[in-house]
C-alpha atoms as a PDB file:
ATOM      1  CA  MET A   1      -4.462 118.455  98.842  1.00  0.00           C
ATOM      2  CA  TYR A   2      -3.984 122.407  98.984  1.00  0.00           C
ATOM      3  CA  THR A   3      -0.301 121.832  98.208  1.00  0.00           C
ATOM      4  CA  GLN A   4      -0.920 119.872  95.109  1.00  0.00           C
ATOM      5  CA  LEU A   5      -3.082 122.581  93.759  1.00  0.00           C
ATOM      6  CA  ALA A   6      -0.545 125.268  94.570  1.00  0.00           C
ATOM      7  CA  ASP A   7       2.306 123.487  92.936  1.00  0.00           C
ATOM      8  CA  TRP A   8       0.341 123.212  89.608  1.00  0.00           C
ATOM      9  CA  HIS A   9       1.794 125.368  86.992  1.00  0.00           C
ATOM     10  CA  GLY A  10      -0.878 125.123  84.309  1.00  0.00           C
ATOM     11  CA  PRO A  11      -1.107 122.887  81.364  1.00  0.00           C
ATOM     12  CA  GLY A  12       2.111 123.859  79.694  1.00  0.00           C
ATOM     13  CA  ALA A  13       2.871 124.530  76.140  1.00  0.00           C
ATOM     14  CA  TRP A  14       1.243 121.346  74.923  1.00  0.00           C
ATOM     15  CA  ILE A  15      -1.865 123.092  75.020  1.00  0.00           C
ATOM     16  CA  LEU A  16      -1.157 124.651  71.700  1.00  0.00           C
ATOM     17  CA  LEU A  17      -1.315 121.298  70.194  1.00  0.00           C
ATOM     18  CA  VAL A  18      -5.038 120.948  70.492  1.00  0.00           C
ATOM     19  CA  PRO A  19      -5.939 123.886  68.258  1.00  0.00           C
ATOM     20  CA  LEU A  20      -3.215 122.951  65.777  1.00  0.00           C
ATOM     21  CA  PHE A  21      -4.718 119.567  65.710  1.00  0.00           C
ATOM     22  CA  TRP A  22      -8.106 120.944  64.631  1.00  0.00           C
ATOM     23  CA  ILE A  23      -6.639 123.421  62.177  1.00  0.00           C
ATOM     24  CA  ALA A  24      -4.943 120.556  60.587  1.00  0.00           C
ATOM     25  CA  VAL A  25      -8.156 118.509  60.425  1.00  0.00           C
ATOM     26  CA  VAL A  26     -10.110 121.461  58.673  1.00  0.00           C
ATOM     27  CA  VAL A  27      -7.190 121.843  56.152  1.00  0.00           C
ATOM     28  CA  LEU A  28      -7.407 118.197  55.425  1.00  0.00           C
ATOM     29  CA  VAL A  29     -11.032 118.197  54.739  1.00  0.00           C
ATOM     30  CA  ILE A  30     -10.811 121.059  52.570  1.00  0.00           C
ATOM     31  CA  THR A  31      -8.007 119.459  50.628  1.00  0.00           C
ATOM     32  CA  MET A  32      -9.861 116.251  50.309  1.00  0.00           C
ATOM     33  CA  LEU A  33     -13.059 118.066  49.115  1.00  0.00           C
ATOM     34  CA  ARG A  34     -11.212 120.253  46.500  1.00  0.00           C
ATOM     35  CA  ARG A  35      -9.434 117.196  45.110  1.00  0.00           C
ATOM     36  CA  SER A  36     -12.709 115.093  44.805  1.00  0.00           C
ATOM     37  CA  VAL A  37     -16.128 116.447  45.033  1.00  0.00           C
ATOM     38  CA  TRP A  38     -15.568 119.997  44.166  1.00  0.00           C
ATOM     39  CA  ARG A  39     -13.418 119.456  41.254  1.00  0.00           C
ATOM     40  CA  ARG A  40     -15.871 117.058  39.855  1.00  0.00           C
ATOM     41  CA  TYR A  41     -18.804 119.382  40.049  1.00  0.00           C
ATOM     42  CA  GLY A  42     -16.960 122.522  39.351  1.00  0.00           C
ATOM     43  CA  ALA A  43     -17.578 124.269  42.632  1.00  0.00           C
ATOM     44  CA  CYS A  44     -15.102 127.077  43.829  1.00  0.00           C
ATOM     45  CA  GLY A  45     -13.814 127.557  40.226  1.00  0.00           C
ATOM     46  CA  PHE A  46     -12.473 124.114  39.734  1.00  0.00           C
ATOM     47  CA  GLY A  47     -13.326 121.267  37.617  1.00  0.00           C
ATOM     48  CA  THR A  48     -15.283 121.041  34.290  1.00  0.00           C
ATOM     49  CA  GLY A  49     -18.901 121.507  35.384  1.00  0.00           C
ATOM     50  CA  PHE A  50     -21.501 119.025  34.617  1.00  0.00           C
ATOM     51  CA  GLY A  51     -20.207 117.919  31.201  1.00  0.00           C
ATOM     52  CA  ALA A  52     -19.984 119.308  27.807  1.00  0.00           C
ATOM     53  CA  GLY A  53     -21.687 122.671  27.267  1.00  0.00           C
ATOM     54  CA  ALA A  54     -21.502 123.824  30.919  1.00  0.00           C
ATOM     55  CA  PRO A  55     -21.074 127.508  31.221  1.00  0.00           C
ATOM     56  CA  GLY A  56     -17.713 128.755  31.371  1.00  0.00           C
ATOM     57  CA  VAL A  57     -16.073 125.411  30.266  1.00  0.00           C
ATOM     58  CA  VAL A  58     -13.726 125.270  27.218  1.00  0.00           C
ATOM     59  CA  GLU A  59     -13.207 121.992  25.884  1.00  0.00           C
ATOM     60  CA  HIS A  60      -9.948 120.993  24.028  1.00  0.00           C
ATOM     61  CA  PRO A  61     -10.269 120.859  20.251  1.00  0.00           C
ATOM     62  CA  LEU A  62      -9.277 117.174  20.126  1.00  0.00           C
ATOM     63  CA  ALA A  63     -12.036 116.391  22.995  1.00  0.00           C
ATOM     64  CA  VAL A  64     -14.619 118.158  20.941  1.00  0.00           C
ATOM     65  CA  LEU A  65     -13.474 116.096  17.785  1.00  0.00           C
ATOM     66  CA  GLY A  66     -13.581 112.849  19.564  1.00  0.00           C
ATOM     67  CA  ARG A  67     -16.938 113.645  21.154  1.00  0.00           C
ATOM     68  CA  ARG A  68     -18.489 114.491  17.725  1.00  0.00           C
ATOM     69  CA  PHE A  69     -17.027 111.428  16.371  1.00  0.00           C
ATOM     70  CA  ALA A  70     -18.241 109.077  19.139  1.00  0.00           C
ATOM     71  CA  GLU A  71     -21.879 110.908  18.922  1.00  0.00           C
ATOM     72  CA  GLY A  72     -21.903 109.973  15.218  1.00  0.00           C
ATOM     73  CA  ASP A  73     -21.840 113.686  14.131  1.00  0.00           C
ATOM     74  CA  ILE A  74     -18.785 112.899  11.749  1.00  0.00           C
ATOM     75  CA  ASP A  75     -17.746 109.806  10.071  1.00  0.00           C
ATOM     76  CA  ALA A  76     -14.101 108.180  10.396  1.00  0.00           C
ATOM     77  CA  GLU A  77     -12.629 109.723   7.306  1.00  0.00           C
ATOM     78  CA  GLU A  78     -13.529 113.244   8.293  1.00  0.00           C
ATOM     79  CA  TYR A  79     -12.345 112.421  11.963  1.00  0.00           C
ATOM     80  CA  ARG A  80      -9.015 111.397  10.569  1.00  0.00           C
ATOM     81  CA  ALA A  81      -8.752 114.504   8.238  1.00  0.00           C
ATOM     82  CA  LYS A  82      -9.507 116.917  11.120  1.00  0.00           C
ATOM     83  CA  ARG A  83      -7.457 115.086  13.625  1.00  0.00           C
ATOM     84  CA  ALA A  84      -4.467 115.303  11.205  1.00  0.00           C
ATOM     85  CA  VAL A  85      -5.061 119.178  10.914  1.00  0.00           C
ATOM     86  CA  LEU A  86      -5.219 119.704  14.658  1.00  0.00           C
ATOM     87  CA  THR A  87      -2.128 117.554  15.548  1.00  0.00           C
ATOM     88  CA  GLU A  88       0.250 118.627  12.624  1.00  0.00           C
ATOM     89  CA  PRO A  89       3.083 120.750  13.615  1.00  0.00           C
ATOM     90  CA  THR A  90       2.869 124.602  12.461  1.00  0.00           C
ATOM     91  CA  LYS A  91       5.900 126.444  11.227  1.00  0.00           C
ATOM     92  CA  ASP A  92       5.127 129.626  13.329  1.00  0.00           C
ATOM     93  CA  VAL A  93       5.312 127.950  16.603  1.00  0.00           C
ATOM     94  CA  PRO A  94       8.817 127.241  17.912  1.00  0.00           C
ATOM     95  CA  GLY A  95       8.012 124.022  19.792  1.00  0.00           C
ATOM     96  CA  GLY A  96       5.969 122.266  16.870  1.00  0.00           C
ATOM     97  CA  GLY A  97       2.303 123.340  17.298  1.00  0.00           C
ATOM     98  CA  GLY A  98      -0.945 121.805  16.648  1.00  0.00           C
ATOM     99  CA  ALA A  99      -3.508 120.996  19.661  1.00  0.00           C
ATOM    100  CA  ARG A 100      -1.902 119.129  22.448  1.00  0.00           C
END
């Protein structure tokens, strides 16, 4: 029995795999949270908050126009006219322009 313990040279380099495994698990959990829950609720500077009007949220002009049309604030004719203005190409922007 004594000779078996005396010949043992420790766990070896594979012992480094245990902390690496747990680091990988933590990174995976944080990544999953960032891509799903936190982004949906706007935690940690990601996402859009709790919907329109949330502090610090800037909505795209076409999204605002579509929301106003869906809520009935504007009629179809006004929606089409404003959408045409937002999507028309402008001359002073090289790649076209309008809201994209």
